[in-house]
Amino acid sequence: MRGPTEQEIRTRAYELWKDAGEPPGKMDQLWYQAEKELLARRTSNGEAPCDINGHNGPSTYPERLRGVH
């Protein structure tokens, strides 16, 4: 799963801001709330959250460290 795009977060944060009565100084909180909601929605739709940071599958152990421990 890819994380939500900046535009998706912006749109949802704006909706939250409007619904809250357009409070001044709350956009940072609403931005993170929007991102959290969008991630939760994707997870509940069955999308695996491992691609949030660019991971497309299980990460491999670095070759240079194999057998070191």
N, C-alpha and C. Protein backbone atom coordinates (compact mmCIF):
# COMPACT_ATOMS: atom_id res chain seq x y z
N MET A 1 0.85 -1.17 0.00
CA MET A 1 0.00 0.00 0.00
C MET A 1 0.89 1.23 0.00
N ARG A 2 0.55 2.14 -0.83
CA ARG A 2 1.19 3.44 -0.78
C ARG A 2 0.49 4.26 0.29
N GLY A 3 1.22 5.17 0.88
CA GLY A 3 0.59 6.09 1.82
C GLY A 3 -0.30 7.05 1.05
N PRO A 4 -1.17 7.75 1.73
CA PRO A 4 -2.02 8.72 1.05
C PRO A 4 -1.19 9.82 0.42
N THR A 5 -1.65 10.35 -0.70
CA THR A 5 -0.93 11.43 -1.36
C THR A 5 -1.12 12.73 -0.58
N GLU A 6 -0.26 13.68 -0.85
CA GLU A 6 -0.37 14.98 -0.19
C GLU A 6 -1.73 15.62 -0.49
N GLN A 7 -2.21 15.46 -1.71
CA GLN A 7 -3.49 16.05 -2.08
C GLN A 7 -4.64 15.38 -1.33
N GLU A 8 -4.59 14.08 -1.17
CA GLU A 8 -5.63 13.38 -0.41
C GLU A 8 -5.66 13.86 1.04
N ILE A 9 -4.48 14.01 1.63
CA ILE A 9 -4.40 14.48 3.01
C ILE A 9 -4.91 15.91 3.10
N ARG A 10 -4.48 16.75 2.16
CA ARG A 10 -4.91 18.16 2.15
C ARG A 10 -6.43 18.27 2.07
N THR A 11 -7.02 17.49 1.18
CA THR A 11 -8.48 17.54 1.01
C THR A 11 -9.20 17.11 2.28
N ARG A 12 -8.74 16.00 2.89
CA ARG A 12 -9.39 15.51 4.11
C ARG A 12 -9.16 16.48 5.27
N ALA A 13 -7.97 17.05 5.38
CA ALA A 13 -7.69 18.02 6.45
C ALA A 13 -8.58 19.24 6.30
N TYR A 14 -8.81 19.68 5.08
CA TYR A 14 -9.69 20.82 4.84
C TYR A 14 -11.12 20.49 5.27
N GLU A 15 -11.58 19.29 4.93
CA GLU A 15 -12.92 18.86 5.35
C GLU A 15 -13.04 18.87 6.87
N LEU A 16 -12.02 18.33 7.54
CA LEU A 16 -12.03 18.31 9.01
C LEU A 16 -12.04 19.73 9.57
N TRP A 17 -11.27 20.61 8.97
CA TRP A 17 -11.19 22.01 9.41
C TRP A 17 -12.55 22.69 9.26
N LYS A 18 -13.19 22.48 8.11
CA LYS A 18 -14.52 23.07 7.88
C LYS A 18 -15.53 22.51 8.89
N ASP A 19 -15.50 21.19 9.10
CA ASP A 19 -16.43 20.55 10.03
C ASP A 19 -16.23 21.03 11.47
N ALA A 20 -15.00 21.41 11.81
CA ALA A 20 -14.69 21.88 13.16
C ALA A 20 -15.00 23.36 13.34
N GLY A 21 -15.52 24.01 12.31
CA GLY A 21 -15.87 25.43 12.42
C GLY A 21 -14.72 26.36 12.06
N GLU A 22 -13.78 25.87 11.26
CA GLU A 22 -12.64 26.65 10.78
C GLU A 22 -11.80 27.26 11.91
N PRO A 23 -11.38 26.43 12.87
CA PRO A 23 -10.60 26.96 14.00
C PRO A 23 -9.21 27.41 13.55
N PRO A 24 -8.77 28.58 14.02
CA PRO A 24 -7.43 29.05 13.66
C PRO A 24 -6.36 28.25 14.41
N GLY A 25 -5.22 28.04 13.75
CA GLY A 25 -4.09 27.39 14.40
C GLY A 25 -4.22 25.90 14.63
N LYS A 26 -5.13 25.24 13.96
CA LYS A 26 -5.33 23.79 14.18
C LYS A 26 -4.96 22.94 12.97
N MET A 27 -4.42 23.55 11.91
CA MET A 27 -4.20 22.78 10.69
C MET A 27 -3.18 21.66 10.86
N ASP A 28 -2.15 21.86 11.68
CA ASP A 28 -1.18 20.78 11.90
C ASP A 28 -1.86 19.57 12.50
N GLN A 29 -2.65 19.78 13.53
CA GLN A 29 -3.36 18.68 14.17
C GLN A 29 -4.32 18.00 13.20
N LEU A 30 -5.03 18.81 12.43
CA LEU A 30 -6.00 18.26 11.48
C LEU A 30 -5.30 17.53 10.34
N TRP A 31 -4.13 18.00 9.95
CA TRP A 31 -3.35 17.33 8.90
C TRP A 31 -3.00 15.91 9.35
N TYR A 32 -2.47 15.80 10.56
CA TYR A 32 -2.09 14.48 11.06
C TYR A 32 -3.31 13.59 11.30
N GLN A 33 -4.40 14.18 11.73
CA GLN A 33 -5.63 13.41 11.90
C GLN A 33 -6.11 12.88 10.55
N ALA A 34 -6.05 13.72 9.53
CA ALA A 34 -6.48 13.31 8.19
C ALA A 34 -5.60 12.17 7.67
N GLU A 35 -4.29 12.30 7.86
CA GLU A 35 -3.37 11.26 7.41
C GLU A 35 -3.66 9.94 8.13
N LYS A 36 -3.88 10.02 9.42
CA LYS A 36 -4.17 8.83 10.22
C LYS A 36 -5.47 8.16 9.75
N GLU A 37 -6.50 8.97 9.50
CA GLU A 37 -7.78 8.43 9.02
C GLU A 37 -7.62 7.74 7.67
N LEU A 38 -6.89 8.36 6.76
CA LEU A 38 -6.72 7.79 5.43
C LEU A 38 -5.93 6.48 5.49
N LEU A 39 -4.90 6.44 6.33
CA LEU A 39 -4.14 5.19 6.49
C LEU A 39 -5.02 4.10 7.09
N ALA A 40 -5.81 4.45 8.09
CA ALA A 40 -6.70 3.48 8.72
C ALA A 40 -7.74 2.96 7.73
N ARG A 41 -8.25 3.85 6.90
CA ARG A 41 -9.25 3.46 5.90
C ARG A 41 -8.65 2.46 4.91
N ARG A 42 -7.42 2.72 4.48
CA ARG A 42 -6.78 1.81 3.53
C ARG A 42 -6.48 0.46 4.18
N THR A 43 -6.06 0.48 5.42
CA THR A 43 -5.78 -0.76 6.14
C THR A 43 -7.07 -1.57 6.30
N SER A 44 -8.16 -0.91 6.63
CA SER A 44 -9.43 -1.62 6.81
C SER A 44 -9.96 -2.17 5.49
N ASN A 45 -9.50 -1.61 4.37
CA ASN A 45 -9.90 -2.11 3.05
C ASN A 45 -9.02 -3.27 2.60
N GLY A 46 -8.13 -3.73 3.49
CA GLY A 46 -7.32 -4.89 3.19
C GLY A 46 -5.97 -4.59 2.57
N GLU A 47 -5.61 -3.32 2.48
CA GLU A 47 -4.30 -2.98 1.93
C GLU A 47 -3.26 -3.10 3.03
N ALA A 48 -2.16 -3.75 2.73
CA ALA A 48 -1.09 -3.93 3.71
C ALA A 48 -0.36 -2.61 3.91
N PRO A 49 -0.11 -2.22 5.15
CA PRO A 49 0.55 -0.95 5.42
C PRO A 49 2.05 -0.94 5.23
N CYS A 50 2.67 -2.03 4.75
CA CYS A 50 4.12 -2.09 4.68
C CYS A 50 4.71 -1.17 3.62
N ASP A 51 3.93 -0.64 2.70
CA ASP A 51 4.48 0.20 1.64
C ASP A 51 4.47 1.68 2.00
N ILE A 52 4.14 2.01 3.24
CA ILE A 52 4.07 3.40 3.65
C ILE A 52 5.39 4.11 3.42
N ASN A 53 6.49 3.45 3.69
CA ASN A 53 7.80 4.06 3.53
C ASN A 53 8.52 3.56 2.28
N GLY A 54 7.77 3.14 1.30
CA GLY A 54 8.38 2.71 0.04
C GLY A 54 8.68 1.22 -0.03
N HIS A 55 8.30 0.45 0.96
CA HIS A 55 8.54 -0.98 0.95
C HIS A 55 7.48 -1.65 0.09
N ASN A 56 7.91 -2.48 -0.83
CA ASN A 56 6.97 -3.19 -1.69
C ASN A 56 6.85 -4.65 -1.32
N GLY A 57 7.55 -5.07 -0.33
CA GLY A 57 7.53 -6.45 0.10
C GLY A 57 8.45 -6.59 1.29
N PRO A 58 8.69 -7.81 1.71
CA PRO A 58 9.57 -7.98 2.85
C PRO A 58 10.98 -7.48 2.52
N SER A 59 11.57 -6.80 3.45
CA SER A 59 12.93 -6.31 3.22
C SER A 59 13.90 -7.46 3.40
N THR A 60 15.01 -7.39 2.70
CA THR A 60 16.02 -8.43 2.80
C THR A 60 17.12 -7.97 3.73
N TYR A 61 17.70 -8.91 4.40
CA TYR A 61 18.81 -8.62 5.30
C TYR A 61 20.01 -8.26 4.43
N PRO A 62 20.75 -7.22 4.75
CA PRO A 62 21.89 -6.81 3.91
C PRO A 62 22.90 -7.92 3.74
N GLU A 63 23.33 -8.13 2.53
CA GLU A 63 24.30 -9.21 2.19
C GLU A 63 25.54 -9.13 3.04
N ARG A 64 26.07 -7.94 3.30
CA ARG A 64 27.33 -7.79 4.03
C ARG A 64 27.19 -8.18 5.50
N LEU A 65 25.97 -8.28 6.03
CA LEU A 65 25.77 -8.61 7.43
C LEU A 65 25.35 -10.06 7.64
N ARG A 66 25.12 -10.79 6.58
CA ARG A 66 24.69 -12.19 6.72
C ARG A 66 25.79 -13.02 7.38
N GLY A 67 25.43 -13.76 8.38
CA GLY A 67 26.36 -14.63 9.06
C GLY A 67 27.24 -13.93 10.09
N VAL A 68 27.02 -12.64 10.32
CA VAL A 68 27.84 -11.90 11.26
C VAL A 68 27.47 -12.20 12.70
N HIS A 69 26.23 -12.41 12.99
CA HIS A 69 25.81 -12.61 14.38
C HIS A 69 25.66 -14.03 14.69
